[in-house]
């Protein structure tokens, strides 16, 4: 996956970088959409990969991931339709934020739960510390 270089640092092989990013995108957004999968029907290469997504609103979109970023290119899985092309987004999160209000809601709900859990753990740690000192 990564190639070692003389300075001891690890570098991702440029030919695989986009594929790795697409795989990570699928994992990262799965909780906030109904379906997400890298397209196996459309051609991909080191510069271009397609991702099929069904939003929580049951809207299907085909997203292009390229060196320019993410953009919607179709309103059906495995569809590249110039009439559907959207602007490029730097992240999948900003693209989904513009395409799905339910994504936005799910994102904020999940974030709130994580913050509450952190607070609970922090409160528990504080009370444990107080009991230890008595």
N, C-alpha and C. Protein backbone atom coordinates (compact mmCIF):
# COMPACT_ATOMS: atom_id res chain seq x y z
N UNK A 1 0.80 -1.18 0.00
CA UNK A 1 0.00 0.00 0.00
C UNK A 1 0.85 1.26 0.00
N UNK A 2 1.86 1.30 0.81
CA UNK A 2 2.73 2.48 0.87
C UNK A 2 4.14 2.09 0.47
N UNK A 3 4.82 3.01 -0.13
CA UNK A 3 6.20 2.78 -0.54
C UNK A 3 7.13 3.51 0.41
N UNK A 4 8.15 2.83 0.92
CA UNK A 4 9.14 3.47 1.78
C UNK A 4 10.11 4.24 0.90
N UNK A 5 10.56 5.36 1.41
CA UNK A 5 11.57 6.13 0.69
C UNK A 5 12.79 6.29 1.58
N UNK A 6 13.86 6.83 1.03
CA UNK A 6 15.14 6.90 1.73
C UNK A 6 15.09 7.65 3.05
N UNK A 7 14.23 8.66 3.19
CA UNK A 7 14.21 9.44 4.42
C UNK A 7 13.44 8.74 5.54
N UNK A 8 12.97 7.54 5.31
CA UNK A 8 12.30 6.77 6.34
C UNK A 8 10.81 7.04 6.44
N UNK A 9 10.30 8.03 5.71
CA UNK A 9 8.87 8.32 5.74
C UNK A 9 8.14 7.35 4.82
N UNK A 10 6.85 7.17 5.09
CA UNK A 10 6.01 6.33 4.25
C UNK A 10 5.20 7.25 3.34
N UNK A 11 5.13 6.92 2.07
CA UNK A 11 4.34 7.68 1.11
C UNK A 11 3.40 6.73 0.40
N UNK A 12 2.18 7.19 0.23
CA UNK A 12 1.20 6.39 -0.49
C UNK A 12 1.54 6.43 -1.96
N UNK A 13 1.50 5.29 -2.60
CA UNK A 13 1.70 5.20 -4.03
C UNK A 13 0.64 6.05 -4.72
N UNK A 14 1.05 7.01 -5.54
CA UNK A 14 0.12 7.93 -6.20
C UNK A 14 -0.94 7.19 -7.02
N UNK A 15 -0.59 6.04 -7.56
CA UNK A 15 -1.55 5.27 -8.35
C UNK A 15 -2.69 4.73 -7.50
N UNK A 16 -2.50 4.63 -6.20
CA UNK A 16 -3.50 4.03 -5.31
C UNK A 16 -4.17 5.05 -4.39
N UNK A 17 -3.69 6.28 -4.37
CA UNK A 17 -4.18 7.28 -3.42
C UNK A 17 -5.68 7.53 -3.53
N UNK A 18 -6.19 7.69 -4.74
CA UNK A 18 -7.61 7.97 -4.92
C UNK A 18 -8.46 6.76 -4.52
N UNK A 19 -8.01 5.56 -4.84
CA UNK A 19 -8.74 4.36 -4.46
C UNK A 19 -8.81 4.22 -2.93
N UNK A 20 -7.71 4.55 -2.27
CA UNK A 20 -7.69 4.50 -0.81
C UNK A 20 -8.64 5.54 -0.24
N UNK A 21 -8.61 6.74 -0.80
CA UNK A 21 -9.52 7.79 -0.34
C UNK A 21 -10.97 7.38 -0.54
N UNK A 22 -11.31 6.80 -1.68
CA UNK A 22 -12.68 6.37 -1.94
C UNK A 22 -13.13 5.32 -0.94
N UNK A 23 -12.26 4.37 -0.63
CA UNK A 23 -12.58 3.33 0.35
C UNK A 23 -12.83 3.95 1.72
N UNK A 24 -12.03 4.91 2.10
CA UNK A 24 -12.21 5.59 3.39
C UNK A 24 -13.50 6.40 3.40
N UNK A 25 -13.83 7.04 2.30
CA UNK A 25 -15.07 7.81 2.20
C UNK A 25 -16.27 6.90 2.43
N UNK A 26 -16.27 5.74 1.81
CA UNK A 26 -17.37 4.78 1.98
C UNK A 26 -17.55 4.44 3.46
N UNK A 27 -16.45 4.15 4.15
CA UNK A 27 -16.52 3.82 5.58
C UNK A 27 -17.01 5.00 6.41
N UNK A 28 -16.52 6.18 6.10
CA UNK A 28 -16.80 7.36 6.92
C UNK A 28 -18.23 7.87 6.80
N UNK A 29 -18.88 7.69 5.66
CA UNK A 29 -20.23 8.24 5.51
C UNK A 29 -21.33 7.19 5.63
N UNK A 30 -20.97 5.94 5.77
CA UNK A 30 -21.97 4.86 5.79
C UNK A 30 -23.05 5.07 6.85
N UNK A 31 -22.68 5.63 8.00
CA UNK A 31 -23.64 5.84 9.08
C UNK A 31 -24.70 6.89 8.73
N UNK A 32 -24.42 7.76 7.77
CA UNK A 32 -25.28 8.91 7.51
C UNK A 32 -26.02 8.86 6.18
N UNK A 33 -25.90 7.74 5.47
CA UNK A 33 -26.62 7.55 4.21
C UNK A 33 -27.27 6.16 4.25
N UNK A 34 -28.20 5.92 3.34
CA UNK A 34 -28.83 4.59 3.30
C UNK A 34 -27.94 3.55 2.64
N UNK A 35 -27.17 3.99 1.64
CA UNK A 35 -26.33 3.07 0.89
C UNK A 35 -25.16 3.84 0.30
N UNK A 36 -23.99 3.21 0.30
CA UNK A 36 -22.83 3.81 -0.35
C UNK A 36 -21.91 2.69 -0.81
N UNK A 37 -21.42 2.81 -2.04
CA UNK A 37 -20.54 1.78 -2.60
C UNK A 37 -19.76 2.37 -3.77
N UNK A 38 -18.51 1.97 -3.88
CA UNK A 38 -17.72 2.34 -5.04
C UNK A 38 -18.30 1.63 -6.25
N UNK A 39 -18.50 2.35 -7.34
CA UNK A 39 -19.07 1.76 -8.54
C UNK A 39 -18.11 0.74 -9.14
N UNK A 40 -18.66 -0.41 -9.48
CA UNK A 40 -17.88 -1.41 -10.20
C UNK A 40 -18.27 -1.43 -11.69
N UNK A 41 -19.35 -0.70 -12.03
CA UNK A 41 -19.82 -0.69 -13.41
C UNK A 41 -19.15 0.40 -14.25
N UNK A 42 -18.73 1.48 -13.60
CA UNK A 42 -18.09 2.57 -14.34
C UNK A 42 -16.57 2.41 -14.27
N UNK A 43 -15.88 2.82 -15.32
CA UNK A 43 -14.42 2.68 -15.33
C UNK A 43 -13.79 3.62 -14.30
N UNK A 44 -12.74 3.14 -13.66
CA UNK A 44 -11.99 3.99 -12.74
C UNK A 44 -10.51 3.84 -13.06
N UNK A 45 -9.75 4.85 -12.64
CA UNK A 45 -8.30 4.79 -12.80
C UNK A 45 -7.67 5.60 -11.68
N UNK A 46 -6.40 5.89 -11.77
CA UNK A 46 -5.71 6.59 -10.68
C UNK A 46 -6.19 8.03 -10.52
N UNK A 47 -6.93 8.56 -11.50
CA UNK A 47 -7.40 9.94 -11.46
C UNK A 47 -8.90 10.11 -11.29
N UNK A 48 -9.65 8.99 -11.29
CA UNK A 48 -11.11 9.11 -11.31
C UNK A 48 -11.77 7.85 -10.76
N UNK A 49 -12.68 8.04 -9.80
CA UNK A 49 -13.44 6.92 -9.23
C UNK A 49 -14.86 7.41 -9.02
N UNK A 50 -15.82 6.51 -9.18
CA UNK A 50 -17.23 6.86 -8.99
C UNK A 50 -17.77 6.13 -7.76
N UNK A 51 -18.62 6.85 -7.03
CA UNK A 51 -19.23 6.31 -5.81
C UNK A 51 -20.74 6.47 -5.94
N UNK A 52 -21.47 5.39 -5.72
CA UNK A 52 -22.93 5.42 -5.73
C UNK A 52 -23.43 5.61 -4.30
N UNK A 53 -24.37 6.54 -4.14
CA UNK A 53 -24.90 6.86 -2.82
C UNK A 53 -26.42 6.95 -2.89
N UNK A 54 -27.08 6.39 -1.89
CA UNK A 54 -28.49 6.65 -1.68
C UNK A 54 -28.59 7.44 -0.39
N UNK A 55 -29.14 8.65 -0.48
CA UNK A 55 -29.27 9.50 0.70
C UNK A 55 -30.39 8.97 1.59
N UNK A 56 -30.49 9.52 2.78
CA UNK A 56 -31.57 9.12 3.70
C UNK A 56 -32.94 9.51 3.15
N UNK A 57 -32.96 10.43 2.20
CA UNK A 57 -34.22 10.81 1.55
C UNK A 57 -34.57 9.88 0.39
N UNK A 58 -33.82 8.78 0.23
CA UNK A 58 -34.01 7.81 -0.87
C UNK A 58 -33.67 8.39 -2.24
N UNK A 59 -32.77 9.33 -2.27
CA UNK A 59 -32.32 9.92 -3.54
C UNK A 59 -31.01 9.26 -3.94
N UNK A 60 -30.97 8.71 -5.13
CA UNK A 60 -29.75 8.08 -5.64
C UNK A 60 -28.91 9.11 -6.38
N UNK A 61 -27.60 9.08 -6.12
CA UNK A 61 -26.68 9.95 -6.85
C UNK A 61 -25.41 9.17 -7.17
N UNK A 62 -24.79 9.54 -8.25
CA UNK A 62 -23.48 9.02 -8.61
C UNK A 62 -22.50 10.17 -8.43
N UNK A 63 -21.47 9.93 -7.61
CA UNK A 63 -20.50 10.97 -7.28
C UNK A 63 -19.15 10.62 -7.90
N UNK A 64 -18.56 11.60 -8.53
CA UNK A 64 -17.22 11.45 -9.09
C UNK A 64 -16.21 11.95 -8.06
N UNK A 65 -15.18 11.16 -7.83
CA UNK A 65 -14.04 11.58 -7.02
C UNK A 65 -12.85 11.67 -7.96
N UNK A 66 -12.29 12.87 -8.04
CA UNK A 66 -11.12 13.09 -8.90
C UNK A 66 -10.15 14.00 -8.16
N UNK A 67 -9.07 14.34 -8.80
CA UNK A 67 -8.10 15.23 -8.18
C UNK A 67 -8.70 16.62 -7.92
N UNK A 68 -9.76 16.99 -8.64
CA UNK A 68 -10.43 18.27 -8.42
C UNK A 68 -11.33 18.25 -7.19
N UNK A 69 -11.74 17.05 -6.75
CA UNK A 69 -12.62 16.92 -5.60
C UNK A 69 -13.78 15.99 -5.89
N UNK A 70 -14.90 16.26 -5.22
CA UNK A 70 -16.11 15.44 -5.35
C UNK A 70 -17.17 16.27 -6.06
N UNK A 71 -17.93 15.60 -6.96
CA UNK A 71 -19.08 16.26 -7.56
C UNK A 71 -20.11 15.22 -7.97
N UNK A 72 -21.36 15.63 -7.95
CA UNK A 72 -22.45 14.77 -8.42
C UNK A 72 -22.40 14.77 -9.94
N UNK A 73 -22.45 13.56 -10.53
CA UNK A 73 -22.42 13.46 -11.99
C UNK A 73 -23.63 12.70 -12.54
N UNK A 74 -24.48 12.19 -11.65
CA UNK A 74 -25.65 11.46 -12.11
C UNK A 74 -26.71 11.36 -11.03
N UNK A 75 -27.96 11.22 -11.47
CA UNK A 75 -29.07 11.09 -10.52
C UNK A 75 -29.52 9.64 -10.39
N UNK A 76 -28.72 8.73 -10.90
CA UNK A 76 -28.93 7.28 -10.77
C UNK A 76 -27.57 6.64 -10.55
N UNK A 77 -27.57 5.46 -9.98
CA UNK A 77 -26.32 4.73 -9.81
C UNK A 77 -25.66 4.52 -11.17
N UNK A 78 -24.35 4.59 -11.19
CA UNK A 78 -23.54 4.30 -12.39
C UNK A 78 -23.92 5.17 -13.58
N UNK A 79 -24.36 6.40 -13.31
CA UNK A 79 -24.76 7.31 -14.39
C UNK A 79 -23.82 8.51 -14.41
N UNK A 80 -23.29 8.81 -15.59
CA UNK A 80 -22.53 10.04 -15.79
C UNK A 80 -23.30 10.84 -16.83
N UNK A 81 -23.99 11.88 -16.34
CA UNK A 81 -24.86 12.69 -17.18
C UNK A 81 -24.43 14.16 -17.04
N UNK A 82 -23.87 14.75 -18.09
CA UNK A 82 -23.40 16.13 -18.01
C UNK A 82 -24.46 17.12 -17.52
N UNK A 83 -25.74 16.80 -17.71
CA UNK A 83 -26.81 17.69 -17.24
C UNK A 83 -26.93 17.66 -15.71
N UNK A 84 -26.34 16.65 -15.07
CA UNK A 84 -26.41 16.53 -13.61
C UNK A 84 -25.17 17.04 -12.90
N UNK A 85 -24.14 17.40 -13.66
CA UNK A 85 -22.88 17.78 -13.03
C UNK A 85 -23.08 18.93 -12.05
N UNK A 86 -22.58 18.76 -10.85
CA UNK A 86 -22.62 19.83 -9.85
C UNK A 86 -21.24 20.46 -9.75
N UNK A 87 -21.13 21.45 -8.91
CA UNK A 87 -19.82 22.04 -8.64
C UNK A 87 -18.96 21.01 -7.93
N UNK A 88 -17.66 21.24 -7.90
CA UNK A 88 -16.75 20.39 -7.15
C UNK A 88 -16.76 20.80 -5.68
N UNK A 89 -16.70 19.82 -4.82
CA UNK A 89 -16.60 20.04 -3.38
C UNK A 89 -15.27 19.47 -2.91
N UNK A 90 -14.67 20.14 -1.95
CA UNK A 90 -13.38 19.71 -1.43
C UNK A 90 -13.50 18.41 -0.62
N UNK A 91 -14.65 18.24 0.05
CA UNK A 91 -14.85 17.03 0.86
C UNK A 91 -16.19 16.39 0.54
N UNK A 92 -16.30 15.11 0.84
CA UNK A 92 -17.58 14.41 0.67
C UNK A 92 -18.61 14.96 1.63
N UNK A 93 -18.16 15.46 2.78
CA UNK A 93 -19.08 16.00 3.78
C UNK A 93 -19.77 17.26 3.26
N UNK A 94 -19.02 18.14 2.62
CA UNK A 94 -19.63 19.35 2.09
C UNK A 94 -20.56 19.02 0.92
N UNK A 95 -20.21 18.04 0.11
CA UNK A 95 -21.11 17.62 -0.97
C UNK A 95 -22.41 17.08 -0.38
N UNK A 96 -22.32 16.18 0.59
CA UNK A 96 -23.52 15.61 1.19
C UNK A 96 -24.34 16.66 1.93
N UNK A 97 -23.67 17.60 2.56
CA UNK A 97 -24.36 18.68 3.25
C UNK A 97 -25.24 19.47 2.28
N UNK A 98 -24.76 19.63 1.05
CA UNK A 98 -25.52 20.38 0.04
C UNK A 98 -26.63 19.52 -0.60
N UNK A 99 -26.50 18.21 -0.51
CA UNK A 99 -27.43 17.31 -1.21
C UNK A 99 -28.50 16.69 -0.31
N UNK A 100 -28.26 16.67 1.00
CA UNK A 100 -29.13 15.90 1.88
C UNK A 100 -29.30 16.56 3.25
N UNK A 101 -30.49 17.07 3.50
CA UNK A 101 -30.75 17.66 4.83
C UNK A 101 -30.72 16.58 5.91
N UNK A 102 -31.09 15.36 5.56
CA UNK A 102 -31.04 14.26 6.53
C UNK A 102 -29.60 13.90 6.88
N UNK A 103 -28.69 14.03 5.93
CA UNK A 103 -27.27 13.83 6.24
C UNK A 103 -26.85 14.82 7.31
N UNK A 104 -27.22 16.08 7.10
CA UNK A 104 -26.88 17.13 8.04
C UNK A 104 -27.42 16.82 9.43
N UNK A 105 -28.68 16.41 9.50
CA UNK A 105 -29.31 16.07 10.79
C UNK A 105 -28.60 14.90 11.46
N UNK A 106 -28.31 13.86 10.68
CA UNK A 106 -27.64 12.68 11.22
C UNK A 106 -26.24 13.04 11.70
N UNK A 107 -25.54 13.85 10.95
CA UNK A 107 -24.19 14.27 11.34
C UNK A 107 -24.23 14.99 12.69
N UNK A 108 -25.14 15.96 12.84
CA UNK A 108 -25.20 16.73 14.08
C UNK A 108 -25.68 15.87 15.25
N UNK A 109 -26.61 14.98 14.99
CA UNK A 109 -27.09 14.07 16.05
C UNK A 109 -25.95 13.16 16.53
N UNK A 110 -25.20 12.61 15.60
CA UNK A 110 -24.08 11.73 15.95
C UNK A 110 -23.00 12.51 16.70
N UNK A 111 -22.70 13.71 16.23
CA UNK A 111 -21.71 14.55 16.91
C UNK A 111 -22.16 14.88 18.33
N UNK A 112 -23.43 15.23 18.50
CA UNK A 112 -23.97 15.54 19.83
C UNK A 112 -23.84 14.35 20.78
N UNK A 113 -24.17 13.16 20.29
CA UNK A 113 -24.05 11.96 21.11
C UNK A 113 -22.61 11.71 21.54
N UNK A 114 -21.68 11.89 20.61
CA UNK A 114 -20.27 11.68 20.94
C UNK A 114 -19.79 12.69 21.97
N UNK A 115 -20.22 13.94 21.83
CA UNK A 115 -19.83 14.96 22.79
C UNK A 115 -20.42 14.68 24.17
N UNK A 116 -21.67 14.22 24.22
CA UNK A 116 -22.28 13.86 25.50
C UNK A 116 -21.54 12.70 26.16
N UNK A 117 -21.16 11.71 25.36
CA UNK A 117 -20.40 10.58 25.90
C UNK A 117 -19.05 11.04 26.45
N UNK A 118 -18.39 11.93 25.75
CA UNK A 118 -17.12 12.46 26.23
C UNK A 118 -17.31 13.19 27.56
N UNK A 119 -18.39 13.96 27.63
CA UNK A 119 -18.67 14.70 28.87
C UNK A 119 -18.94 13.73 30.02
N UNK A 120 -19.74 12.70 29.76
CA UNK A 120 -20.04 11.71 30.80
C UNK A 120 -18.76 11.05 31.30
N UNK A 121 -17.90 10.65 30.38
CA UNK A 121 -16.64 10.02 30.77
C UNK A 121 -15.76 10.99 31.54
N UNK A 122 -15.77 12.23 31.13
CA UNK A 122 -14.98 13.25 31.83
C UNK A 122 -15.53 13.47 33.24
N UNK A 123 -16.86 13.52 33.36
CA UNK A 123 -17.49 13.68 34.67
C UNK A 123 -17.21 12.48 35.57
N UNK A 124 -17.24 11.27 34.99
CA UNK A 124 -16.94 10.06 35.76
C UNK A 124 -15.50 10.07 36.24
N UNK A 125 -14.58 10.48 35.37
CA UNK A 125 -13.17 10.54 35.75
C UNK A 125 -12.96 11.55 36.88
N UNK A 126 -13.66 12.68 36.80
CA UNK A 126 -13.54 13.71 37.83
C UNK A 126 -14.08 13.20 39.16
N UNK A 127 -15.22 12.50 39.14
CA UNK A 127 -15.79 11.99 40.40
C UNK A 127 -14.92 10.87 40.96
N UNK A 128 -14.30 10.05 40.12
CA UNK A 128 -13.39 9.00 40.58
C UNK A 128 -12.17 9.63 41.27
N UNK A 129 -11.65 10.72 40.67
CA UNK A 129 -10.50 11.40 41.25
C UNK A 129 -10.86 11.99 42.61
N UNK A 130 -12.06 12.52 42.73
CA UNK A 130 -12.48 13.10 44.00
C UNK A 130 -12.63 12.04 45.06
N UNK A 131 -13.14 10.86 44.69
CA UNK A 131 -13.30 9.78 45.66
C UNK A 131 -11.94 9.24 46.10
N UNK A 132 -10.98 9.21 45.21
CA UNK A 132 -9.65 8.70 45.54
C UNK A 132 -8.93 9.60 46.56
N UNK A 133 -9.26 10.88 46.55
CA UNK A 133 -8.56 11.80 47.44
C UNK A 133 -9.19 11.88 48.82
N UNK A 134 -10.35 11.24 49.02
CA UNK A 134 -11.02 11.30 50.34
C UNK A 134 -10.59 10.19 51.24
